[in-house]
Amino acid sequence: MTDIGLMVEGQWGLTWERWRKLLQAAEDFGYQCVFRSDHYTIGPPDMESLETWISLTYAATQTRRIEFGPLVSPVTFRQPILTARMAAQVDDLSGGRLVLGLGAGWHEREHRQFGIPFYDRRTRFEMFEDALEITTRLYKSEEPVTYQGRHFSLEEAVLLPRPQRAGGPPILIGGKGKRRTLPLAAKYADEWNVPHVSPAEYRELNNYLTELLEQEGRDPRSVKRSLMAQVIYGRTEAEVREKQERLNRTQTHLVGVGSQLVDLLGEYVDAGVERFMLMWIDQDDIAGLESMARDVLPHFHG
């Protein structure tokens, strides 16, 4: 079975009312998950946004079935121990439905706008690896942890209360970089996600990750493979064209009526995708989510 879920760009006008309706739609219409970005902005123009971890705490209490999480939380925004603590406790609050997406951070403008240091790429990935090591050790060890990293360290630290889920919430690493990101995914990830690639590129990256996992001595089946991609869905081809023009999304991979999306998603499934996070651009189009669920989900959720 392949899971079909949603992804929301939180910096594109997400308000409490929109977030409430999107979560409820996912619960009611049968989507498997809802993920959201962790950004202050990706303007211009700058738009409304909800603070990511506060909104995920809300999701933990206002939903009962779906998985959810950040896609992804940059290590530049918060100390790793803070993110690890928040994630473990939100996961407990939800009854074990959070997936902890972590990343190195990439959008320079929002860092500069809000006074967050934006380091060079090498430094950010060193920070990211420290964060992954710290998070993994704290989740898995009931004994105090000491770790001396390049940028973040621990001294006799123990995570209390202990995560209710053994080993803590699963860690998702997103990206397609063969030199840094995929090796980190092979070492630390429970789920690997890549955005906006073709089925052929996904297959190639997926096979490479399998090789890296085998080199790490890990069972390749232990890491879920997922894809985040924009979707333009319409009930008719005319509606699809209108949405493409209105939303200015002419390069989107997943475009079409229900039957066309089923075929396109099937190509990705053949390439190894086990879970889709479909980026829903028009956050007010709840009717479209309901219709897409009827047309698409039964072909994958059984």
Protein backbone atom coordinates (compact mmCIF):
# COMPACT_ATOMS: atom_id res chain seq x y z
CA MET A 1 0.00 0.00 0.00
CA THR A 2 1.16 3.52 -0.81
CA ASP A 3 0.25 6.41 1.50
CA ILE A 4 -1.15 9.64 0.08
CA GLY A 5 -0.95 12.73 2.27
CA LEU A 6 -0.77 16.49 2.06
CA MET A 7 1.91 19.12 2.44
CA VAL A 8 1.24 22.78 3.25
CA GLU A 9 3.65 25.67 2.80
CA GLY A 10 3.04 27.37 6.13
CA GLN A 11 4.59 30.67 5.05
CA TRP A 12 2.07 31.09 2.20
CA GLY A 13 -0.72 32.61 4.25
CA LEU A 14 -1.41 29.88 6.79
CA THR A 15 -3.78 31.08 9.51
CA TRP A 16 -5.41 29.24 12.38
CA GLU A 17 -8.70 28.98 10.49
CA ARG A 18 -7.01 27.56 7.39
CA TRP A 19 -4.90 25.16 9.44
CA ARG A 20 -7.97 23.91 11.30
CA LYS A 21 -9.87 23.30 8.07
CA LEU A 22 -6.93 21.57 6.36
CA LEU A 23 -6.36 19.21 9.29
CA GLN A 24 -10.05 18.41 9.48
CA ALA A 25 -10.20 17.79 5.75
CA ALA A 26 -7.28 15.36 5.95
CA GLU A 27 -8.97 13.50 8.80
CA ASP A 28 -12.39 13.41 7.16
CA PHE A 29 -11.38 12.64 3.58
CA GLY A 30 -8.88 9.85 4.27
CA TYR A 31 -5.49 11.40 3.68
CA GLN A 32 -2.74 9.58 5.55
CA CYS A 33 -0.74 12.58 6.76
CA VAL A 34 -0.28 16.36 6.77
CA PHE A 35 3.19 17.88 6.75
CA ARG A 36 4.07 21.56 6.74
CA SER A 37 7.14 23.64 6.04
CA ASP A 38 9.10 25.36 8.81
CA HIS A 39 9.74 28.89 7.53
CA TYR A 40 9.25 32.44 8.67
CA THR A 41 8.81 33.53 5.06
CA ILE A 42 9.96 32.77 1.55
CA GLY A 43 8.93 36.14 0.19
CA PRO A 44 8.74 38.58 -1.23
CA PRO A 45 5.91 39.08 -0.80
CA ASP A 46 5.89 38.19 2.89
CA MET A 47 2.67 36.51 3.98
CA GLU A 48 1.02 35.27 7.16
CA SER A 49 2.41 32.13 8.78
CA LEU A 50 1.95 30.13 11.95
CA GLU A 51 4.91 29.18 14.11
CA THR A 52 5.60 25.60 13.11
CA TRP A 53 5.89 23.81 16.44
CA ILE A 54 2.94 25.61 17.99
CA SER A 55 0.83 24.58 14.99
CA LEU A 56 2.05 20.98 15.29
CA THR A 57 1.09 20.94 18.96
CA TYR A 58 -2.38 22.04 17.86
CA ALA A 59 -2.42 19.22 15.29
CA ALA A 60 -1.56 16.70 17.99
CA THR A 61 -4.66 17.62 20.00
CA GLN A 62 -7.10 18.33 17.16
CA THR A 63 -6.58 15.16 15.10
CA ARG A 64 -6.90 11.50 15.98
CA ARG A 65 -5.68 9.52 12.98
CA ILE A 66 -3.27 11.29 10.63
CA GLU A 67 0.50 11.44 10.92
CA PHE A 68 2.02 14.91 10.78
CA GLY A 69 5.28 16.79 11.15
CA PRO A 70 7.64 19.47 9.85
CA LEU A 71 9.07 19.16 6.36
CA VAL A 72 11.60 20.13 7.64
CA SER A 73 12.80 21.98 10.75
CA PRO A 74 16.15 23.71 10.09
CA VAL A 75 18.90 23.21 12.65
CA THR A 76 19.73 26.90 12.28
CA PHE A 77 16.41 27.96 13.85
CA ARG A 78 16.64 26.18 17.22
CA GLN A 79 19.10 24.41 19.49
CA PRO A 80 18.92 20.66 18.71
CA ILE A 81 17.96 19.77 22.27
CA LEU A 82 14.99 22.15 22.10
CA THR A 83 13.72 20.58 18.87
CA ALA A 84 14.28 17.07 20.23
CA ARG A 85 12.36 17.85 23.42
CA MET A 86 9.47 19.51 21.60
CA ALA A 87 9.20 16.70 19.09
CA ALA A 88 9.20 13.94 21.72
CA GLN A 89 6.53 15.69 23.76
CA VAL A 90 4.32 16.54 20.78
CA ASP A 91 4.66 12.91 19.68
CA ASP A 92 3.53 11.77 23.14
CA LEU A 93 0.64 14.22 23.05
CA SER A 94 -0.54 12.80 19.73
CA GLY A 95 -0.26 9.17 20.77
CA GLY A 96 2.75 8.53 18.52
CA ARG A 97 1.85 10.22 15.22
CA LEU A 98 4.65 12.78 14.75
CA VAL A 99 7.44 12.38 12.19
CA LEU A 100 10.42 14.62 12.97
CA GLY A 101 11.69 16.16 9.75
CA LEU A 102 15.10 17.80 10.19
CA GLY A 103 17.27 19.79 7.80
CA ALA A 104 20.29 22.05 7.49
CA GLY A 105 18.40 25.22 6.51
CA TRP A 106 18.72 26.87 3.10
CA HIS A 107 16.79 30.12 2.71
CA GLU A 108 19.20 32.97 3.35
CA ARG A 109 16.74 35.86 3.14
CA GLU A 110 14.56 34.78 6.08
CA HIS A 111 17.65 34.25 8.24
CA ARG A 112 18.88 37.76 7.49
CA GLN A 113 15.42 39.29 8.00
CA PHE A 114 14.97 37.84 11.46
CA GLY A 115 18.53 38.05 12.73
CA ILE A 116 19.31 34.32 12.54
CA PRO A 117 22.95 33.56 11.64
CA PHE A 118 23.22 32.00 8.20
CA TYR A 119 26.45 30.05 7.93
CA ASP A 120 28.13 28.64 4.85
CA ARG A 121 26.86 25.31 3.53
CA ARG A 122 29.66 23.25 5.06
CA THR A 123 29.04 24.72 8.52
CA ARG A 124 25.30 24.20 8.29
CA PHE A 125 25.79 20.54 7.44
CA GLU A 126 28.23 20.14 10.33
CA MET A 127 25.54 21.60 12.59
CA PHE A 128 22.98 19.27 11.03
CA GLU A 129 25.10 16.19 11.70
CA ASP A 130 25.62 17.30 15.31
CA ALA A 131 21.85 17.71 15.67
CA LEU A 132 21.14 14.26 14.24
CA GLU A 133 23.69 12.65 16.55
CA ILE A 134 22.36 14.50 19.62
CA THR A 135 18.72 13.73 18.81
CA THR A 136 19.38 10.07 18.12
CA ARG A 137 21.43 9.57 21.29
CA LEU A 138 18.93 11.34 23.53
CA TYR A 139 16.02 9.34 22.13
CA LYS A 140 17.73 5.98 22.41
CA SER A 141 19.63 6.29 25.69
CA GLU A 142 18.05 6.22 29.13
CA GLU A 143 21.45 7.01 30.60
CA PRO A 144 23.02 10.51 30.61
CA VAL A 145 24.66 11.36 27.28
CA THR A 146 27.94 13.20 26.74
CA TYR A 147 28.76 14.31 23.20
CA GLN A 148 31.33 16.78 21.92
CA GLY A 149 30.32 18.04 18.48
CA ARG A 150 31.72 20.69 16.20
CA HIS A 151 28.92 23.12 17.04
CA PHE A 152 26.59 21.48 19.60
CA SER A 153 27.52 19.37 22.60
CA LEU A 154 26.00 17.53 25.56
CA GLU A 155 27.39 16.89 29.02
CA GLU A 156 25.66 14.22 31.09
CA ALA A 157 22.32 15.11 29.47
CA VAL A 158 19.25 12.90 29.71
CA LEU A 159 15.91 13.46 28.02
CA LEU A 160 13.10 13.49 30.59
CA PRO A 161 10.36 12.51 30.43
CA ARG A 162 11.42 9.59 28.30
CA PRO A 163 9.63 9.39 24.93
CA GLN A 164 6.66 7.07 25.14
CA ARG A 165 7.50 5.64 21.73
CA ALA A 166 10.56 3.39 21.85
CA GLY A 167 13.45 5.27 20.27
CA GLY A 168 11.43 8.48 20.04
CA PRO A 169 9.59 9.80 16.99
CA PRO A 170 10.96 8.67 13.61
CA ILE A 171 13.45 11.03 11.96
CA LEU A 172 12.88 12.18 8.38
CA ILE A 173 15.71 13.63 6.30
CA GLY A 174 14.85 15.35 3.04
CA GLY A 175 17.00 16.13 0.04
CA LYS A 176 18.82 14.67 -2.93
CA GLY A 177 22.46 15.62 -2.40
CA LYS A 178 24.64 12.58 -2.94
CA ARG A 179 27.67 13.98 -1.12
CA ARG A 180 26.06 15.10 2.15
CA THR A 181 22.32 14.51 2.44
CA LEU A 182 21.95 10.92 1.28
CA PRO A 183 24.86 9.64 3.42
CA LEU A 184 23.25 11.30 6.46
CA ALA A 185 19.92 9.71 5.56
CA ALA A 186 21.59 6.31 5.30
CA LYS A 187 23.08 6.74 8.78
CA TYR A 188 20.26 8.42 10.71
CA ALA A 189 16.93 8.50 8.88
CA ASP A 190 13.82 6.44 9.43
CA GLU A 191 12.32 8.13 6.37
CA TRP A 192 13.91 9.76 3.35
CA ASN A 193 12.04 12.42 1.38
CA VAL A 194 12.96 14.19 -1.83
CA PRO A 195 11.06 17.12 -3.39
CA HIS A 196 10.13 17.94 -6.97
CA VAL A 197 11.94 15.29 -9.03
CA SER A 198 10.87 13.16 -11.97
CA PRO A 199 10.18 9.43 -11.57
CA ALA A 200 13.45 8.61 -13.34
CA GLU A 201 15.49 10.82 -11.01
CA TYR A 202 13.67 9.45 -7.99
CA ARG A 203 14.48 5.87 -9.05
CA GLU A 204 18.17 6.71 -9.46
CA LEU A 205 18.39 8.44 -6.07
CA ASN A 206 16.40 5.68 -4.40
CA ASN A 207 18.74 3.00 -5.70
CA TYR A 208 21.75 5.01 -4.52
CA LEU A 209 20.27 5.32 -1.04
CA THR A 210 19.77 1.56 -0.95
CA GLU A 211 23.47 1.10 -1.71
CA LEU A 212 24.43 3.50 1.08
CA LEU A 213 22.13 1.76 3.57
CA GLU A 214 23.72 -1.59 2.75
CA GLN A 215 27.16 -0.06 3.29
CA GLU A 216 25.95 1.18 6.71
CA GLY A 217 24.81 -2.35 7.56
CA ARG A 218 21.16 -1.27 7.67
CA ASP A 219 18.23 -3.10 6.12
CA PRO A 220 17.12 -0.92 3.17
CA ARG A 221 13.52 -1.75 4.06
CA SER A 222 13.94 0.01 7.40
CA VAL A 223 13.86 3.46 5.75
CA LYS A 224 10.56 4.66 4.29
CA ARG A 225 10.88 6.38 0.90
CA SER A 226 8.69 9.43 0.28
CA LEU A 227 8.19 12.26 -2.21
CA MET A 228 7.00 15.84 -1.78
CA ALA A 229 5.58 17.39 -4.94
CA GLN A 230 3.19 20.12 -5.95
CA VAL A 231 -0.11 18.86 -7.28
CA ILE A 232 -2.61 20.60 -9.55
CA TYR A 233 -5.88 18.68 -9.55
CA GLY A 234 -9.16 19.53 -11.21
CA ARG A 235 -12.45 17.74 -11.77
CA THR A 236 -12.21 18.60 -15.48
CA GLU A 237 -9.34 19.41 -17.80
CA ALA A 238 -10.66 22.96 -18.10
CA GLU A 239 -10.48 23.33 -14.31
CA VAL A 240 -6.93 21.98 -14.34
CA ARG A 241 -5.86 24.58 -16.92
CA GLU A 242 -7.56 27.38 -14.97
CA LYS A 243 -5.74 26.40 -11.78
CA GLN A 244 -2.40 26.18 -13.55
CA GLU A 245 -2.80 29.69 -14.90
CA ARG A 246 -4.22 31.20 -11.71
CA LEU A 247 -1.60 29.64 -9.46
CA ASN A 248 1.22 30.15 -11.99
CA ARG A 249 2.33 26.54 -11.75
CA THR A 250 3.28 25.46 -15.27
CA GLN A 251 6.27 23.29 -14.25
CA THR A 252 4.50 21.07 -11.73
CA HIS A 253 5.08 17.33 -12.17
CA LEU A 254 1.68 16.17 -10.90
CA VAL A 255 -1.04 17.82 -12.97
CA GLY A 256 -4.37 16.47 -14.12
CA VAL A 257 -7.81 15.11 -13.42
CA GLY A 258 -8.16 12.14 -11.11
CA SER A 259 -7.36 9.38 -13.62
CA GLN A 260 -4.30 11.26 -14.87
CA LEU A 261 -2.99 11.76 -11.34
CA VAL A 262 -3.48 8.07 -10.58
CA ASP A 263 -1.29 7.20 -13.57
CA LEU A 264 1.35 9.80 -12.71
CA LEU A 265 1.51 8.71 -9.07
CA GLY A 266 1.79 5.12 -10.26
CA GLU A 267 4.99 5.98 -12.12
CA TYR A 268 6.50 7.22 -8.86
CA VAL A 269 5.31 4.12 -7.00
CA ASP A 270 7.12 2.02 -9.59
CA ALA A 271 10.23 4.13 -8.87
CA GLY A 272 10.03 3.27 -5.16
CA VAL A 273 7.83 5.94 -3.52
CA GLU A 274 6.01 4.63 -0.46
CA ARG A 275 4.46 7.89 0.71
CA PHE A 276 3.42 11.09 -1.08
CA MET A 277 3.19 14.53 0.52
CA LEU A 278 1.16 16.38 -2.11
CA MET A 279 1.72 20.14 -1.83
CA TRP A 280 -1.72 21.76 -1.87
CA ILE A 281 -1.21 25.34 -2.95
CA ASP A 282 -4.70 26.86 -2.57
CA GLN A 283 -5.25 26.45 1.16
CA ASP A 284 -8.89 27.52 0.88
CA ASP A 285 -9.80 24.88 -1.72
CA ILE A 286 -11.25 22.30 0.65
CA ALA A 287 -13.76 21.13 -1.95
CA GLY A 288 -10.86 20.26 -4.25
CA LEU A 289 -9.25 18.17 -1.51
CA GLU A 290 -12.50 16.26 -1.04
CA SER A 291 -12.89 15.61 -4.74
CA MET A 292 -9.25 14.54 -5.17
CA ALA A 293 -9.63 12.17 -2.25
CA ARG A 294 -12.60 10.48 -3.93
CA ASP A 295 -10.86 10.26 -7.30
CA VAL A 296 -7.36 9.27 -6.24
CA LEU A 297 -7.07 7.78 -2.75
CA PRO A 298 -9.02 4.52 -3.34
CA HIS A 299 -6.48 3.50 -5.97
CA PHE A 300 -3.67 3.57 -3.38
CA HIS A 301 -5.21 3.17 0.08
CA GLY A 302 -7.27 0.13 -0.87
